[in-house]
Amino acid sequence: MPLTHVRQFARRLPDLLAAARGELAATAALLLCALGGLAFLDIADEVAEGDTTRLDLRVLMALRVPGDPHRLIGPDWLHVAAADVTALGSVTVLSLLVLLAVALMASLRRWSEALVILIGPAAGWRSARP
């Protein structure tokens, strides 16, 4: 390799390293997403097989008053807050959020996005029904 090529490479080296760092970050992010997805699938498989039942019951009993499994630990406001958070997954709340998002997309005249927002929950609801 002639000396001029080495000098050109040395001048471009910081740019090449900067580009490689950008690629490394994107690759690491994709790897992290893939590993998270695999971990989720593994845990979901264990739950579906019933292998986590003992752990689930132990966690639920840890959240109860010892000796009185009908009483939850913690203040009353915490129980109300937990019920409110659980209700965020209800059909009513989901429907209101979908309608709000569709209204926003319609006001921006983004009709295809509004259609996707409508189809997504409808398809999920249809597939979740027995």
C-alpha atoms as a PDB file:
ATOM      1  CA  MET A   1       0.000   0.000   0.000  1.00  0.00           C
ATOM      2  CA  PRO A   2       1.567   3.310  -1.036  1.00  0.00           C
ATOM      3  CA  LEU A   3       2.139   5.916   1.632  1.00  0.00           C
ATOM      4  CA  THR A   4      -0.485   8.266   0.128  1.00  0.00           C
ATOM      5  CA  HIS A   5      -3.211   5.673   0.690  1.00  0.00           C
ATOM      6  CA  VAL A   6      -2.177   5.291   4.309  1.00  0.00           C
ATOM      7  CA  ARG A   7      -2.351   9.056   4.821  1.00  0.00           C
ATOM      8  CA  GLN A   8      -5.795   9.213   3.172  1.00  0.00           C
ATOM      9  CA  PHE A   9      -6.987   6.388   5.388  1.00  0.00           C
ATOM     10  CA  ALA A  10      -5.563   8.097   8.484  1.00  0.00           C
ATOM     11  CA  ARG A  11      -7.374  11.339   7.565  1.00  0.00           C
ATOM     12  CA  ARG A  12     -10.680   9.494   7.081  1.00  0.00           C
ATOM     13  CA  LEU A  13     -10.314   7.318  10.170  1.00  0.00           C
ATOM     14  CA  PRO A  14     -12.258   9.648  12.561  1.00  0.00           C
ATOM     15  CA  ASP A  15     -15.168   9.790  10.114  1.00  0.00           C
ATOM     16  CA  LEU A  16     -15.118   6.023   9.687  1.00  0.00           C
ATOM     17  CA  LEU A  17     -15.071   5.474  13.442  1.00  0.00           C
ATOM     18  CA  ALA A  18     -17.951   7.932  13.926  1.00  0.00           C
ATOM     19  CA  ALA A  19     -20.003   6.051  11.315  1.00  0.00           C
ATOM     20  CA  ALA A  20     -19.153   2.731  12.957  1.00  0.00           C
ATOM     21  CA  ARG A  21     -20.269   4.069  16.346  1.00  0.00           C
ATOM     22  CA  GLY A  22     -23.618   5.046  14.825  1.00  0.00           C
ATOM     23  CA  GLU A  23     -24.036   1.589  13.350  1.00  0.00           C
ATOM     24  CA  LEU A  24     -22.994   0.002  16.614  1.00  0.00           C
ATOM     25  CA  ALA A  25     -25.697   1.880  18.508  1.00  0.00           C
ATOM     26  CA  ALA A  26     -28.377   0.841  16.017  1.00  0.00           C
ATOM     27  CA  THR A  27     -27.190  -2.761  16.078  1.00  0.00           C
ATOM     28  CA  ALA A  28     -27.122  -2.791  19.872  1.00  0.00           C
ATOM     29  CA  ALA A  29     -30.661  -1.376  19.982  1.00  0.00           C
ATOM     30  CA  LEU A  30     -31.911  -4.045  17.589  1.00  0.00           C
ATOM     31  CA  LEU A  31     -30.145  -6.745  19.581  1.00  0.00           C
ATOM     32  CA  LEU A  32     -31.699  -5.455  22.799  1.00  0.00           C
ATOM     33  CA  CYS A  33     -35.180  -5.471  21.212  1.00  0.00           C
ATOM     34  CA  ALA A  34     -34.680  -9.009  19.896  1.00  0.00           C
ATOM     35  CA  LEU A  35     -33.459 -10.285  23.269  1.00  0.00           C
ATOM     36  CA  GLY A  36     -36.377  -8.599  25.018  1.00  0.00           C
ATOM     37  CA  GLY A  37     -38.803 -10.230  22.588  1.00  0.00           C
ATOM     38  CA  LEU A  38     -37.231 -13.647  23.143  1.00  0.00           C
ATOM     39  CA  ALA A  39     -37.391 -13.189  26.917  1.00  0.00           C
ATOM     40  CA  PHE A  40     -41.059 -12.212  26.663  1.00  0.00           C
ATOM     41  CA  LEU A  41     -41.847 -15.265  24.519  1.00  0.00           C
ATOM     42  CA  ASP A  42     -40.009 -17.539  26.941  1.00  0.00           C
ATOM     43  CA  ILE A  43     -41.877 -16.164  29.947  1.00  0.00           C
ATOM     44  CA  ALA A  44     -45.196 -16.320  28.074  1.00  0.00           C
ATOM     45  CA  ASP A  45     -44.511 -19.970  27.243  1.00  0.00           C
ATOM     46  CA  GLU A  46     -43.807 -20.751  30.909  1.00  0.00           C
ATOM     47  CA  VAL A  47     -47.018 -18.987  31.973  1.00  0.00           C
ATOM     48  CA  ALA A  48     -49.075 -20.830  29.318  1.00  0.00           C
ATOM     49  CA  GLU A  49     -47.697 -24.172  30.524  1.00  0.00           C
ATOM     50  CA  GLY A  50     -48.580 -23.302  34.133  1.00  0.00           C
ATOM     51  CA  ASP A  51     -44.982 -23.460  35.333  1.00  0.00           C
ATOM     52  CA  THR A  52     -45.266 -20.097  37.108  1.00  0.00           C
ATOM     53  CA  THR A  53     -48.383 -20.885  39.159  1.00  0.00           C
ATOM     54  CA  ARG A  54     -46.465 -21.384  42.411  1.00  0.00           C
ATOM     55  CA  LEU A  55     -44.571 -18.131  41.988  1.00  0.00           C
ATOM     56  CA  ASP A  56     -47.777 -16.263  41.086  1.00  0.00           C
ATOM     57  CA  LEU A  57     -49.536 -17.524  44.209  1.00  0.00           C
ATOM     58  CA  ARG A  58     -46.570 -16.631  46.409  1.00  0.00           C
ATOM     59  CA  VAL A  59     -46.526 -13.074  45.038  1.00  0.00           C
ATOM     60  CA  LEU A  60     -50.286 -12.698  45.506  1.00  0.00           C
ATOM     61  CA  MET A  61     -50.092 -13.998  49.080  1.00  0.00           C
ATOM     62  CA  ALA A  62     -47.211 -11.608  49.815  1.00  0.00           C
ATOM     63  CA  LEU A  63     -49.600  -8.761  49.002  1.00  0.00           C
ATOM     64  CA  ARG A  64     -52.138  -9.952  51.606  1.00  0.00           C
ATOM     65  CA  VAL A  65     -52.262  -9.542  55.352  1.00  0.00           C
ATOM     66  CA  PRO A  66     -50.610 -12.633  56.930  1.00  0.00           C
ATOM     67  CA  GLY A  67     -53.287 -14.909  58.402  1.00  0.00           C
ATOM     68  CA  ASP A  68     -56.123 -13.069  56.606  1.00  0.00           C
ATOM     69  CA  PRO A  69     -55.950 -13.720  52.859  1.00  0.00           C
ATOM     70  CA  HIS A  70     -59.069 -11.655  52.202  1.00  0.00           C
ATOM     71  CA  ARG A  71     -57.413  -8.365  53.268  1.00  0.00           C
ATOM     72  CA  LEU A  72     -54.863  -6.619  51.089  1.00  0.00           C
ATOM     73  CA  ILE A  73     -51.809  -4.937  52.574  1.00  0.00           C
ATOM     74  CA  GLY A  74     -51.395  -1.194  52.169  1.00  0.00           C
ATOM     75  CA  PRO A  75     -53.680   1.788  52.533  1.00  0.00           C
ATOM     76  CA  ASP A  76     -57.142   1.932  50.987  1.00  0.00           C
ATOM     77  CA  TRP A  77     -56.119   4.622  48.477  1.00  0.00           C
ATOM     78  CA  LEU A  78     -53.531   2.229  47.043  1.00  0.00           C
ATOM     79  CA  HIS A  79     -56.223  -0.382  46.355  1.00  0.00           C
ATOM     80  CA  VAL A  80     -58.357   2.239  44.615  1.00  0.00           C
ATOM     81  CA  ALA A  81     -55.367   3.410  42.555  1.00  0.00           C
ATOM     82  CA  ALA A  82     -54.570  -0.186  41.544  1.00  0.00           C
ATOM     83  CA  ALA A  83     -58.182  -0.714  40.453  1.00  0.00           C
ATOM     84  CA  ASP A  84     -58.035   2.513  38.424  1.00  0.00           C
ATOM     85  CA  VAL A  85     -54.837   1.434  36.675  1.00  0.00           C
ATOM     86  CA  THR A  86     -56.395  -1.957  35.939  1.00  0.00           C
ATOM     87  CA  ALA A  87     -59.436  -0.220  34.473  1.00  0.00           C
ATOM     88  CA  LEU A  88     -57.195   1.530  31.921  1.00  0.00           C
ATOM     89  CA  GLY A  89     -57.275  -1.720  29.942  1.00  0.00           C
ATOM     90  CA  SER A  90     -61.066  -1.792  29.826  1.00  0.00           C
ATOM     91  CA  VAL A  91     -63.046  -1.640  26.596  1.00  0.00           C
ATOM     92  CA  THR A  92     -64.454   1.752  27.549  1.00  0.00           C
ATOM     93  CA  VAL A  93     -61.080   3.418  28.089  1.00  0.00           C
ATOM     94  CA  LEU A  94     -59.594   1.774  24.997  1.00  0.00           C
ATOM     95  CA  SER A  95     -62.551   2.891  22.887  1.00  0.00           C
ATOM     96  CA  LEU A  96     -62.260   6.486  24.107  1.00  0.00           C
ATOM     97  CA  LEU A  97     -58.526   6.564  23.354  1.00  0.00           C
ATOM     98  CA  VAL A  98     -59.066   5.084  19.889  1.00  0.00           C
ATOM     99  CA  LEU A  99     -61.797   7.613  19.110  1.00  0.00           C
ATOM    100  CA  LEU A 100     -59.582  10.451  20.322  1.00  0.00           C
ATOM    101  CA  ALA A 101     -56.680   9.249  18.165  1.00  0.00           C
ATOM    102  CA  VAL A 102     -58.949   8.821  15.119  1.00  0.00           C
ATOM    103  CA  ALA A 103     -60.361  12.318  15.655  1.00  0.00           C
ATOM    104  CA  LEU A 104     -56.835  13.721  15.805  1.00  0.00           C
ATOM    105  CA  MET A 105     -55.811  11.910  12.610  1.00  0.00           C
ATOM    106  CA  ALA A 106     -59.021  13.052  10.883  1.00  0.00           C
ATOM    107  CA  SER A 107     -58.396  16.658  11.894  1.00  0.00           C
ATOM    108  CA  LEU A 108     -54.915  16.361  10.378  1.00  0.00           C
ATOM    109  CA  ARG A 109     -56.459  14.716   7.275  1.00  0.00           C
ATOM    110  CA  ARG A 110     -54.334  11.608   7.740  1.00  0.00           C
ATOM    111  CA  TRP A 111     -57.010   9.156   6.681  1.00  0.00           C
ATOM    112  CA  SER A 112     -54.826   6.079   6.250  1.00  0.00           C
ATOM    113  CA  GLU A 113     -53.414   6.436   9.771  1.00  0.00           C
ATOM    114  CA  ALA A 114     -56.949   6.867  11.149  1.00  0.00           C
ATOM    115  CA  LEU A 115     -57.983   3.672   9.397  1.00  0.00           C
ATOM    116  CA  VAL A 116     -55.023   1.769  10.845  1.00  0.00           C
ATOM    117  CA  ILE A 117     -55.897   3.049  14.332  1.00  0.00           C
ATOM    118  CA  LEU A 118     -59.456   1.796  13.872  1.00  0.00           C
ATOM    119  CA  ILE A 119     -58.532  -1.591  12.415  1.00  0.00           C
ATOM    120  CA  GLY A 120     -55.901  -2.497  15.040  1.00  0.00           C
ATOM    121  CA  PRO A 121     -58.120  -2.665  18.135  1.00  0.00           C
ATOM    122  CA  ALA A 122     -61.032  -4.069  16.136  1.00  0.00           C
ATOM    123  CA  ALA A 123     -58.885  -6.957  14.898  1.00  0.00           C
ATOM    124  CA  GLY A 124     -57.548  -7.571  18.396  1.00  0.00           C
ATOM    125  CA  TRP A 125     -61.028  -7.525  19.884  1.00  0.00           C
ATOM    126  CA  ARG A 126     -62.338  -9.930  17.251  1.00  0.00           C
ATOM    127  CA  SER A 127     -59.465 -12.398  17.750  1.00  0.00           C
ATOM    128  CA  ALA A 128     -59.777 -12.227  21.569  1.00  0.00           C
ATOM    129  CA  ARG A 129     -63.440 -13.210  21.594  1.00  0.00           C
ATOM    130  CA  PRO A 130     -64.208 -16.891  22.256  1.00  0.00           C
END
